[in-house]
PDB file of N, CA and C in Angstrom:
ATOM      1  N   MET A   1      45.225 -41.557 225.846  1.00  0.00           N
ATOM      2  CA  MET A   1      44.781 -41.233 227.352  1.00  0.00           C
ATOM      3  C   MET A   1      45.592 -42.710 227.119  1.00  0.00           C
ATOM      4  N   LYS A   2      45.850 -43.285 228.302  1.00  0.00           N
ATOM      5  CA  LYS A   2      46.213 -44.886 229.039  1.00  0.00           C
ATOM      6  C   LYS A   2      45.112 -44.879 229.465  1.00  0.00           C
ATOM      7  N   ARG A   3      45.129 -46.226 229.804  1.00  0.00           N
ATOM      8  CA  ARG A   3      44.279 -46.475 230.829  1.00  0.00           C
ATOM      9  C   ARG A   3      45.089 -47.514 231.704  1.00  0.00           C
ATOM     10  N   SER A   4      44.177 -47.595 232.806  1.00  0.00           N
ATOM     11  CA  SER A   4      45.485 -48.669 234.410  1.00  0.00           C
ATOM     12  C   SER A   4      45.132 -49.053 233.792  1.00  0.00           C
ATOM     13  N   GLN A   5      45.929 -50.541 234.152  1.00  0.00           N
ATOM     14  CA  GLN A   5      46.549 -52.013 234.583  1.00  0.00           C
ATOM     15  C   GLN A   5      45.988 -52.699 235.671  1.00  0.00           C
ATOM     16  N   PRO A   6      45.340 -53.820 235.427  1.00  0.00           N
ATOM     17  CA  PRO A   6      45.505 -54.230 237.327  1.00  0.00           C
ATOM     18  C   PRO A   6      47.355 -54.376 237.178  1.00  0.00           C
ATOM     19  N   ALA A   7      47.059 -54.718 238.511  1.00  0.00           N
ATOM     20  CA  ALA A   7      48.505 -54.696 239.386  1.00  0.00           C
ATOM     21  C   ALA A   7      49.052 -56.424 238.729  1.00  0.00           C
ATOM     22  N   GLY A   8      50.379 -56.172 238.388  1.00  0.00           N
ATOM     23  CA  GLY A   8      50.437 -56.777 237.848  1.00  0.00           C
ATOM     24  C   GLY A   8      49.852 -57.394 236.619  1.00  0.00           C
ATOM     25  N   ALA A   9      49.179 -57.369 235.935  1.00  0.00           N
ATOM     26  CA  ALA A   9      48.584 -57.680 234.246  1.00  0.00           C
ATOM     27  C   ALA A   9      49.977 -57.488 232.926  1.00  0.00           C
ATOM     28  N   GLY A  10      50.376 -56.252 233.539  1.00  0.00           N
ATOM     29  CA  GLY A  10      51.256 -56.171 232.047  1.00  0.00           C
ATOM     30  C   GLY A  10      52.886 -56.277 231.929  1.00  0.00           C
ATOM     31  N   ALA A  11      53.567 -56.897 233.598  1.00  0.00           N
ATOM     32  CA  ALA A  11      54.533 -57.252 232.917  1.00  0.00           C
ATOM     33  C   ALA A  11      54.423 -59.129 232.447  1.00  0.00           C
ATOM     34  N   PRO A  12      54.794 -59.412 231.583  1.00  0.00           N
ATOM     35  CA  PRO A  12      55.457 -60.648 231.260  1.00  0.00           C
ATOM     36  C   PRO A  12      56.177 -61.449 232.316  1.00  0.00           C
ATOM     37  N   ALA A  13      55.020 -62.871 233.090  1.00  0.00           N
ATOM     38  CA  ALA A  13      55.636 -64.504 233.191  1.00  0.00           C
ATOM     39  C   ALA A  13      57.817 -64.430 233.715  1.00  0.00           C
ATOM     40  N   ARG A  14      57.772 -64.729 234.677  1.00  0.00           N
ATOM     41  CA  ARG A  14      58.897 -65.128 234.280  1.00  0.00           C
ATOM     42  C   ARG A  14      60.003 -66.637 233.704  1.00  0.00           C
ATOM     43  N   PRO A  15      60.102 -66.595 233.103  1.00  0.00           N
ATOM     44  CA  PRO A  15      59.996 -68.622 233.000  1.00  0.00           C
ATOM     45  C   PRO A  15      60.781 -68.978 233.925  1.00  0.00           C
ATOM     46  N   VAL A  16      60.608 -70.316 234.013  1.00  0.00           N
ATOM     47  CA  VAL A  16      60.879 -70.795 235.333  1.00  0.00           C
ATOM     48  C   VAL A  16      62.706 -71.567 234.885  1.00  0.00           C
ATOM     49  N   PRO A  17      63.069 -71.315 235.109  1.00  0.00           N
ATOM     50  CA  PRO A  17      64.977 -72.048 235.063  1.00  0.00           C
ATOM     51  C   PRO A  17      64.477 -74.041 235.242  1.00  0.00           C
ATOM     52  N   ARG A  18      65.206 -73.356 233.533  1.00  0.00           N
ATOM     53  CA  ARG A  18      65.307 -75.525 233.522  1.00  0.00           C
ATOM     54  C   ARG A  18      66.762 -75.740 234.001  1.00  0.00           C
ATOM     55  N   ARG A  19      66.257 -77.456 234.374  1.00  0.00           N
ATOM     56  CA  ARG A  19      68.086 -77.507 234.620  1.00  0.00           C
ATOM     57  C   ARG A  19      68.441 -79.105 234.046  1.00  0.00           C
ATOM     58  N   THR A  20      69.266 -80.263 233.779  1.00  0.00           N
ATOM     59  CA  THR A  20      69.080 -81.274 232.841  1.00  0.00           C
ATOM     60  C   THR A  20      69.925 -82.127 234.311  1.00  0.00           C
ATOM     61  N   CYS A  21      68.720 -83.497 234.766  1.00  0.00           N
ATOM     62  CA  CYS A  21      69.242 -84.631 235.605  1.00  0.00           C
ATOM     63  C   CYS A  21      70.806 -85.541 234.987  1.00  0.00           C
ATOM     64  N   ILE A  22      71.827 -85.034 235.602  1.00  0.00           N
ATOM     65  CA  ILE A  22      73.683 -85.362 234.453  1.00  0.00           C
ATOM     66  C   ILE A  22      73.143 -87.153 234.114  1.00  0.00           C
ATOM     67  N   ALA A  23      72.202 -87.764 234.830  1.00  0.00           N
ATOM     68  CA  ALA A  23      72.271 -89.307 235.427  1.00  0.00           C
ATOM     69  C   ALA A  23      71.405 -89.683 234.661  1.00  0.00           C
ATOM     70  N   CYS A  24      70.208 -88.985 234.346  1.00  0.00           N
ATOM     71  CA  CYS A  24      68.646 -89.895 233.174  1.00  0.00           C
ATOM     72  C   CYS A  24      68.533 -88.151 232.184  1.00  0.00           C
ATOM     73  N   ARG A  25      69.605 -87.156 232.022  1.00  0.00           N
ATOM     74  CA  ARG A  25      68.811 -86.855 231.404  1.00  0.00           C
ATOM     75  C   ARG A  25      67.871 -85.423 230.985  1.00  0.00           C
ATOM     76  N   ILE A  26      66.744 -85.831 232.669  1.00  0.00           N
ATOM     77  CA  ILE A  26      65.424 -85.421 232.539  1.00  0.00           C
ATOM     78  C   ILE A  26      65.708 -84.166 232.116  1.00  0.00           C
ATOM     79  N   VAL A  27      64.529 -82.906 231.445  1.00  0.00           N
ATOM     80  CA  VAL A  27      64.932 -81.751 232.235  1.00  0.00           C
ATOM     81  C   VAL A  27      63.541 -81.595 233.177  1.00  0.00           C
ATOM     82  N   GLU A  28      63.707 -80.639 234.126  1.00  0.00           N
ATOM     83  CA  GLU A  28      62.537 -79.753 235.195  1.00  0.00           C
ATOM     84  C   GLU A  28      63.143 -78.800 235.172  1.00  0.00           C
ATOM     85  N   GLY A  29      62.109 -78.116 236.189  1.00  0.00           N
ATOM     86  CA  GLY A  29      62.801 -76.808 236.477  1.00  0.00           C
ATOM     87  C   GLY A  29      63.269 -76.811 237.965  1.00  0.00           C
ATOM     88  N   LYS A  30      64.145 -75.930 238.145  1.00  0.00           N
ATOM     89  CA  LYS A  30      65.417 -76.091 238.645  1.00  0.00           C
ATOM     90  C   LYS A  30      64.871 -76.909 240.365  1.00  0.00           C
ATOM     91  N   ARG A  31      63.681 -76.495 241.170  1.00  0.00           N
ATOM     92  CA  ARG A  31      63.595 -76.312 242.053  1.00  0.00           C
ATOM     93  C   ARG A  31      62.920 -78.554 242.316  1.00  0.00           C
ATOM     94  N   ALA A  32      63.154 -78.287 241.414  1.00  0.00           N
ATOM     95  CA  ALA A  32      62.595 -80.595 240.948  1.00  0.00           C
ATOM     96  C   ALA A  32      63.751 -80.848 241.417  1.00  0.00           C
ATOM     97  N   LEU A  33      64.830 -81.054 240.826  1.00  0.00           N
ATOM     98  CA  LEU A  33      65.839 -81.373 241.022  1.00  0.00           C
ATOM     99  C   LEU A  33      67.059 -80.832 242.318  1.00  0.00           C
ATOM    100  N   LEU A  34      67.803 -82.005 242.353  1.00  0.00           N
ATOM    101  CA  LEU A  34      68.707 -81.266 243.734  1.00  0.00           C
ATOM    102  C   LEU A  34      70.479 -81.409 243.110  1.00  0.00           C
ATOM    103  N   ARG A  35      70.794 -79.907 243.380  1.00  0.00           N
ATOM    104  CA  ARG A  35      72.407 -79.498 243.712  1.00  0.00           C
ATOM    105  C   ARG A  35      73.382 -80.211 243.785  1.00  0.00           C
ATOM    106  N   LEU A  36      74.494 -81.111 243.787  1.00  0.00           N
ATOM    107  CA  LEU A  36      75.823 -80.596 243.914  1.00  0.00           C
ATOM    108  C   LEU A  36      76.313 -79.328 244.422  1.00  0.00           C
ATOM    109  N   VAL A  37      76.719 -79.120 244.457  1.00  0.00           N
ATOM    110  CA  VAL A  37      78.376 -77.796 244.351  1.00  0.00           C
ATOM    111  C   VAL A  37      79.161 -78.905 244.842  1.00  0.00           C
ATOM    112  N   ARG A  38      80.349 -78.616 244.023  1.00  0.00           N
ATOM    113  CA  ARG A  38      82.157 -77.909 244.133  1.00  0.00           C
ATOM    114  C   ARG A  38      82.312 -76.671 244.972  1.00  0.00           C
ATOM    115  N   ASP A  39      83.247 -76.647 246.350  1.00  0.00           N
ATOM    116  CA  ASP A  39      83.429 -75.608 246.238  1.00  0.00           C
ATOM    117  C   ASP A  39      84.506 -75.212 246.321  1.00  0.00           C
ATOM    118  N   ALA A  40      85.129 -73.873 246.561  1.00  0.00           N
ATOM    119  CA  ALA A  40      86.518 -73.482 246.458  1.00  0.00           C
ATOM    120  C   ALA A  40      87.655 -74.285 246.722  1.00  0.00           C
ATOM    121  N   GLU A  41      87.917 -75.014 247.750  1.00  0.00           N
ATOM    122  CA  GLU A  41      88.330 -76.447 248.283  1.00  0.00           C
ATOM    123  C   GLU A  41      88.382 -77.477 247.664  1.00  0.00           C
ATOM    124  N   GLY A  42      87.260 -77.676 246.418  1.00  0.00           N
ATOM    125  CA  GLY A  42      87.395 -78.942 246.163  1.00  0.00           C
ATOM    126  C   GLY A  42      86.467 -79.610 246.501  1.00  0.00           C
ATOM    127  N   ARG A  43      85.915 -79.273 247.865  1.00  0.00           N
ATOM    128  CA  ARG A  43      84.429 -80.603 248.524  1.00  0.00           C
ATOM    129  C   ARG A  43      83.752 -79.841 247.946  1.00  0.00           C
ATOM    130  N   VAL A  44      82.961 -81.190 247.232  1.00  0.00           N
ATOM    131  CA  VAL A  44      81.035 -81.849 247.315  1.00  0.00           C
ATOM    132  C   VAL A  44      80.608 -82.649 248.218  1.00  0.00           C
ATOM    133  N   SER A  45      79.320 -81.188 247.968  1.00  0.00           N
ATOM    134  CA  SER A  45      78.441 -81.288 249.156  1.00  0.00           C
ATOM    135  C   SER A  45      77.079 -81.331 248.527  1.00  0.00           C
ATOM    136  N   LEU A  46      75.808 -81.472 249.141  1.00  0.00           N
ATOM    137  CA  LEU A  46      74.232 -81.011 248.664  1.00  0.00           C
ATOM    138  C   LEU A  46      73.626 -79.710 248.652  1.00  0.00           C
ATOM    139  N   ASP A  47      74.217 -78.629 248.088  1.00  0.00           N
ATOM    140  CA  ASP A  47      73.753 -77.776 248.069  1.00  0.00           C
ATOM    141  C   ASP A  47      72.338 -77.185 248.219  1.00  0.00           C
ATOM    142  N   ARG A  48      70.951 -77.310 249.205  1.00  0.00           N
ATOM    143  CA  ARG A  48      69.412 -77.295 249.360  1.00  0.00           C
ATOM    144  C   ARG A  48      69.305 -76.351 249.410  1.00  0.00           C
ATOM    145  N   THR A  49      69.826 -75.006 249.142  1.00  0.00           N
ATOM    146  CA  THR A  49      69.405 -73.776 248.906  1.00  0.00           C
ATOM    147  C   THR A  49      69.548 -73.769 247.298  1.00  0.00           C
ATOM    148  N   GLY A  50      70.273 -73.978 246.896  1.00  0.00           N
ATOM    149  CA  GLY A  50      70.732 -73.791 245.670  1.00  0.00           C
ATOM    150  C   GLY A  50      71.374 -72.885 245.166  1.00  0.00           C
ATOM    151  N   LYS A  51      72.134 -72.244 246.093  1.00  0.00           N
ATOM    152  CA  LYS A  51      72.496 -71.085 245.906  1.00  0.00           C
ATOM    153  C   LYS A  51      73.642 -70.752 246.838  1.00  0.00           C
ATOM    154  N   ARG A  52      74.582 -71.475 246.569  1.00  0.00           N
ATOM    155  CA  ARG A  52      75.777 -71.544 247.080  1.00  0.00           C
ATOM    156  C   ARG A  52      77.072 -71.254 245.849  1.00  0.00           C
ATOM    157  N   SER A  53      78.023 -70.186 246.276  1.00  0.00           N
ATOM    158  CA  SER A  53      78.813 -70.133 245.033  1.00  0.00           C
ATOM    159  C   SER A  53      79.978 -71.701 244.979  1.00  0.00           C
ATOM    160  N   GLY A  54      79.815 -71.514 243.443  1.00  0.00           N
ATOM    161  CA  GLY A  54      80.494 -72.758 242.646  1.00  0.00           C
ATOM    162  C   GLY A  54      80.287 -73.706 242.307  1.00  0.00           C
ATOM    163  N   ARG A  55      80.620 -74.117 240.963  1.00  0.00           N
ATOM    164  CA  ARG A  55      80.988 -75.064 240.139  1.00  0.00           C
ATOM    165  C   ARG A  55      78.905 -76.266 240.862  1.00  0.00           C
ATOM    166  N   GLY A  56      78.074 -76.304 239.730  1.00  0.00           N
ATOM    167  CA  GLY A  56      77.177 -76.846 240.475  1.00  0.00           C
ATOM    168  C   GLY A  56      76.394 -77.979 239.081  1.00  0.00           C
ATOM    169  N   ALA A  57      75.991 -79.376 239.431  1.00  0.00           N
ATOM    170  CA  ALA A  57      75.398 -80.407 238.972  1.00  0.00           C
ATOM    171  C   ALA A  57      74.240 -80.579 239.083  1.00  0.00           C
ATOM    172  N   TYR A  58      73.009 -80.873 239.156  1.00  0.00           N
ATOM    173  CA  TYR A  58      71.922 -81.189 239.028  1.00  0.00           C
ATOM    174  C   TYR A  58      71.156 -83.050 239.305  1.00  0.00           C
ATOM    175  N   LEU A  59      70.680 -83.651 239.538  1.00  0.00           N
ATOM    176  CA  LEU A  59      70.711 -85.066 239.960  1.00  0.00           C
ATOM    177  C   LEU A  59      69.260 -85.552 240.315  1.00  0.00           C
ATOM    178  N   CYS A  60      68.285 -86.288 239.790  1.00  0.00           N
ATOM    179  CA  CYS A  60      66.558 -86.520 240.089  1.00  0.00           C
ATOM    180  C   CYS A  60      66.792 -86.894 241.731  1.00  0.00           C
ATOM    181  N   ALA A  61      65.673 -86.429 242.937  1.00  0.00           N
ATOM    182  CA  ALA A  61      65.781 -87.281 243.580  1.00  0.00           C
ATOM    183  C   ALA A  61      65.127 -88.691 243.974  1.00  0.00           C
ATOM    184  N   ALA A  62      65.984 -88.994 243.095  1.00  0.00           N
ATOM    185  CA  ALA A  62      65.366 -90.963 242.474  1.00  0.00           C
ATOM    186  C   ALA A  62      67.266 -91.848 242.543  1.00  0.00           C
ATOM    187  N   ARG A  63      67.330 -92.552 243.579  1.00  0.00           N
ATOM    188  CA  ARG A  63      68.603 -93.229 244.034  1.00  0.00           C
ATOM    189  C   ARG A  63      69.075 -93.394 242.680  1.00  0.00           C
ATOM    190  N   GLU A  64      68.276 -93.839 241.695  1.00  0.00           N
ATOM    191  CA  GLU A  64      68.672 -95.068 240.567  1.00  0.00           C
ATOM    192  C   GLU A  64      69.935 -93.651 240.241  1.00  0.00           C
ATOM    193  N   CYS A  65      69.689 -92.476 239.882  1.00  0.00           N
ATOM    194  CA  CYS A  65      70.200 -91.574 239.101  1.00  0.00           C
ATOM    195  C   CYS A  65      70.983 -90.997 239.989  1.00  0.00           C
ATOM    196  N   TRP A  66      70.751 -91.276 241.073  1.00  0.00           N
ATOM    197  CA  TRP A  66      72.370 -91.098 242.090  1.00  0.00           C
ATOM    198  C   TRP A  66      73.378 -91.700 242.138  1.00  0.00           C
ATOM    199  N   GLU A  67      72.888 -93.176 241.985  1.00  0.00           N
ATOM    200  CA  GLU A  67      73.464 -94.776 242.132  1.00  0.00           C
ATOM    201  C   GLU A  67      74.963 -94.849 240.629  1.00  0.00           C
ATOM    202  N   VAL A  68      74.057 -94.270 240.119  1.00  0.00           N
ATOM    203  CA  VAL A  68      75.055 -94.332 238.127  1.00  0.00           C
ATOM    204  C   VAL A  68      75.361 -93.116 238.346  1.00  0.00           C
ATOM    205  N   ALA A  69      74.895 -92.145 238.625  1.00  0.00           N
ATOM    206  CA  ALA A  69      76.119 -91.167 238.609  1.00  0.00           C
ATOM    207  C   ALA A  69      77.233 -91.078 239.464  1.00  0.00           C
ATOM    208  N   LEU A  70      77.333 -91.700 240.878  1.00  0.00           N
ATOM    209  CA  LEU A  70      78.283 -91.934 241.899  1.00  0.00           C
ATOM    210  C   LEU A  70      78.703 -93.042 240.789  1.00  0.00           C
ATOM    211  N   ARG A  71      78.343 -94.033 240.447  1.00  0.00           N
ATOM    212  CA  ARG A  71      79.221 -95.140 239.542  1.00  0.00           C
ATOM    213  C   ARG A  71      79.742 -94.834 238.454  1.00  0.00           C
ATOM    214  N   ARG A  72      79.110 -94.368 237.947  1.00  0.00           N
ATOM    215  CA  ARG A  72      80.549 -93.985 236.387  1.00  0.00           C
ATOM    216  C   ARG A  72      80.546 -92.382 236.160  1.00  0.00           C
ATOM    217  N   GLY A  73      80.746 -92.034 237.015  1.00  0.00           N
ATOM    218  CA  GLY A  73      82.394 -90.713 237.026  1.00  0.00           C
ATOM    219  C   GLY A  73      80.572 -89.991 236.836  1.00  0.00           C
ATOM    220  N   MET A  74      80.060 -89.219 236.242  1.00  0.00           N
ATOM    221  CA  MET A  74      78.953 -88.423 235.966  1.00  0.00           C
ATOM    222  C   MET A  74      79.577 -87.069 236.698  1.00  0.00           C
ATOM    223  N   LEU A  75      79.121 -87.424 238.210  1.00  0.00           N
ATOM    224  CA  LEU A  75      79.404 -86.291 239.234  1.00  0.00           C
ATOM    225  C   LEU A  75      81.183 -85.491 238.885  1.00  0.00           C
ATOM    226  N   GLU A  76      81.908 -86.413 238.821  1.00  0.00           N
ATOM    227  CA  GLU A  76      83.376 -85.370 238.672  1.00  0.00           C
ATOM    228  C   GLU A  76      83.023 -84.924 236.999  1.00  0.00           C
ATOM    229  N   ARG A  77      83.179 -85.720 235.502  1.00  0.00           N
ATOM    230  CA  ARG A  77      82.595 -84.873 234.728  1.00  0.00           C
ATOM    231  C   ARG A  77      82.011 -83.676 235.048  1.00  0.00           C
ATOM    232  N   ALA A  78      81.200 -83.995 235.642  1.00  0.00           N
ATOM    233  CA  ALA A  78      80.209 -82.329 235.400  1.00  0.00           C
ATOM    234  C   ALA A  78      80.404 -81.596 236.058  1.00  0.00           C
ATOM    235  N   LEU A  79      80.687 -81.663 237.665  1.00  0.00           N
ATOM    236  CA  LEU A  79      82.072 -80.979 238.726  1.00  0.00           C
ATOM    237  C   LEU A  79      83.450 -80.845 238.070  1.00  0.00           C
ATOM    238  N   ARG A  80      83.735 -80.884 237.319  1.00  0.00           N
ATOM    239  CA  ARG A  80      85.365 -80.458 236.637  1.00  0.00           C
ATOM    240  C   ARG A  80      86.188 -81.104 237.878  1.00  0.00           C
ATOM    241  N   ILE A  81      86.008 -82.363 238.014  1.00  0.00           N
ATOM    242  CA  ILE A  81      86.814 -82.834 238.985  1.00  0.00           C
ATOM    243  C   ILE A  81      87.524 -84.090 238.577  1.00  0.00           C
ATOM    244  N   ASP A  82      88.599 -84.204 238.740  1.00  0.00           N
ATOM    245  CA  ASP A  82      89.711 -85.779 238.508  1.00  0.00           C
ATOM    246  C   ASP A  82      89.111 -86.446 239.818  1.00  0.00           C
ATOM    247  N   ARG A  83      88.731 -86.803 240.469  1.00  0.00           N
ATOM    248  CA  ARG A  83      88.624 -87.780 241.758  1.00  0.00           C
ATOM    249  C   ARG A  83      87.573 -87.521 243.103  1.00  0.00           C
ATOM    250  N   LEU A  84      86.517 -87.491 243.799  1.00  0.00           N
ATOM    251  CA  LEU A  84      85.599 -87.240 245.121  1.00  0.00           C
ATOM    252  C   LEU A  84      86.147 -87.973 245.382  1.00  0.00           C
ATOM    253  N   ASN A  85      86.545 -86.592 246.591  1.00  0.00           N
ATOM    254  CA  ASN A  85      87.430 -87.182 247.969  1.00  0.00           C
ATOM    255  C   ASN A  85      86.189 -88.073 248.615  1.00  0.00           C
ATOM    256  N   GLU A  86      86.887 -88.868 249.468  1.00  0.00           N
ATOM    257  CA  GLU A  86      86.097 -90.094 250.084  1.00  0.00           C
ATOM    258  C   GLU A  86      85.494 -90.084 250.558  1.00  0.00           C
ATOM    259  N   ASP A  87      85.871 -89.280 251.513  1.00  0.00           N
ATOM    260  CA  ASP A  87      84.268 -88.290 252.593  1.00  0.00           C
ATOM    261  C   ASP A  87      83.079 -87.578 252.051  1.00  0.00           C
ATOM    262  N   ASP A  88      83.381 -87.368 250.635  1.00  0.00           N
ATOM    263  CA  ASP A  88      82.506 -86.397 250.119  1.00  0.00           C
ATOM    264  C   ASP A  88      81.850 -87.142 249.601  1.00  0.00           C
ATOM    265  N   ARG A  89      82.165 -88.711 249.104  1.00  0.00           N
ATOM    266  CA  ARG A  89      81.739 -89.720 248.569  1.00  0.00           C
ATOM    267  C   ARG A  89      80.452 -90.523 249.281  1.00  0.00           C
ATOM    268  N   ALA A  90      81.526 -90.705 250.314  1.00  0.00           N
ATOM    269  CA  ALA A  90      80.703 -91.671 251.343  1.00  0.00           C
ATOM    270  C   ALA A  90      79.150 -91.261 252.011  1.00  0.00           C
ATOM    271  N   ALA A  91      79.627 -89.058 252.070  1.00  0.00           N
ATOM    272  CA  ALA A  91      78.366 -88.649 253.034  1.00  0.00           C
ATOM    273  C   ALA A  91      77.139 -89.148 251.318  1.00  0.00           C
ATOM    274  N   LEU A  92      77.950 -88.653 249.586  1.00  0.00           N
ATOM    275  CA  LEU A  92      76.900 -88.649 248.808  1.00  0.00           C
ATOM    276  C   LEU A  92      76.269 -89.825 249.129  1.00  0.00           C
ATOM    277  N   ILE A  93      77.025 -91.359 248.799  1.00  0.00           N
ATOM    278  CA  ILE A  93      76.497 -91.786 249.229  1.00  0.00           C
ATOM    279  C   ILE A  93      75.342 -92.720 250.132  1.00  0.00           C
ATOM    280  N   ALA A  94      75.755 -91.683 251.648  1.00  0.00           N
ATOM    281  CA  ALA A  94      74.880 -91.738 252.267  1.00  0.00           C
ATOM    282  C   ALA A  94      73.444 -91.383 251.626  1.00  0.00           C
ATOM    283  N   SER A  95      73.404 -89.966 251.264  1.00  0.00           N
ATOM    284  CA  SER A  95      71.926 -89.485 251.099  1.00  0.00           C
ATOM    285  C   SER A  95      71.386 -90.371 250.166  1.00  0.00           C
ATOM    286  N   ALA A  96      72.269 -90.926 249.143  1.00  0.00           N
ATOM    287  CA  ALA A  96      71.594 -91.895 247.792  1.00  0.00           C
ATOM    288  C   ALA A  96      70.666 -92.496 248.164  1.00  0.00           C
ATOM    289  N   ALA A  97      71.577 -93.700 249.467  1.00  0.00           N
ATOM    290  CA  ALA A  97      70.967 -93.934 250.324  1.00  0.00           C
ATOM    291  C   ALA A  97      69.391 -94.415 250.760  1.00  0.00           C
ATOM    292  N   ALA A  98      69.242 -92.744 250.796  1.00  0.00           N
ATOM    293  CA  ALA A  98      67.978 -91.969 251.514  1.00  0.00           C
ATOM    294  C   ALA A  98      66.980 -91.572 250.479  1.00  0.00           C
ATOM    295  N   MET A  99      67.288 -92.051 249.478  1.00  0.00           N
ATOM    296  CA  MET A  99      66.524 -91.379 247.979  1.00  0.00           C
ATOM    297  C   MET A  99      65.693 -92.145 248.214  1.00  0.00           C
ATOM    298  N   PRO A 100      64.518 -91.821 247.626  1.00  0.00           N
ATOM    299  CA  PRO A 100      62.926 -92.569 247.190  1.00  0.00           C
ATOM    300  C   PRO A 100      63.361 -93.881 246.108  1.00  0.00           C
ATOM    301  N   SER A 101      63.244 -94.671 244.947  1.00  0.00           N
ATOM    302  CA  SER A 101      63.372 -95.818 244.008  1.00  0.00           C
ATOM    303  C   SER A 101      62.504 -95.300 243.220  1.00  0.00           C
ATOM    304  N   ARG A 102      63.055 -94.854 241.957  1.00  0.00           N
ATOM    305  CA  ARG A 102      62.245 -94.246 241.098  1.00  0.00           C
ATOM    306  C   ARG A 102      61.072 -95.573 240.664  1.00  0.00           C
ATOM    307  N   THR A 103      61.080 -96.591 240.869  1.00  0.00           N
ATOM    308  CA  THR A 103      60.620 -97.448 241.422  1.00  0.00           C
ATOM    309  C   THR A 103      58.964 -97.907 241.986  1.00  0.00           C
ATOM    310  N   SER A 104      59.369 -96.884 243.885  1.00  0.00           N
ATOM    311  CA  SER A 104      58.627 -97.754 244.125  1.00  0.00           C
ATOM    312  C   SER A 104      57.810 -95.904 244.344  1.00  0.00           C
ATOM    313  N   GLU A 105      57.865 -95.206 243.631  1.00  0.00           N
ATOM    314  CA  GLU A 105      57.129 -93.921 243.332  1.00  0.00           C
ATOM    315  C   GLU A 105      56.141 -94.585 242.605  1.00  0.00           C
ATOM    316  N   ASN A 106      56.040 -95.515 241.334  1.00  0.00           N
ATOM    317  CA  ASN A 106      55.185 -95.504 240.443  1.00  0.00           C
ATOM    318  C   ASN A 106      54.859 -97.362 241.278  1.00  0.00           C
ATOM    319  N   ASP A 107      54.454 -97.647 241.895  1.00  0.00           N
ATOM    320  CA  ASP A 107      54.023 -98.928 242.552  1.00  0.00           C
ATOM    321  C   ASP A 107      52.585 -98.440 243.269  1.00  0.00           C
TER     322      ASP A 107
END
């Protein structure tokens, strides 16, 4: 005879999806990082929902990671594009400027 279990007690917990920041290489839960996506037209933008279709890359919410990724071509490599569109680059630089600095978090 089977004993009844409380609801949800028998199902194993689903693992949290893990992603890596392309700049600092830290591994975090998917929701802790910000996703950038290259759409079918080749435009690159911030994907706030994390569900847009297209090739994605993840960055920390730290200004330093955004600056390094933009300066060293890490976004282009991760998104498999030759070069960021100037409008997209300007929008990402503006987004980076709004990010908190990692050093100011530790003060």
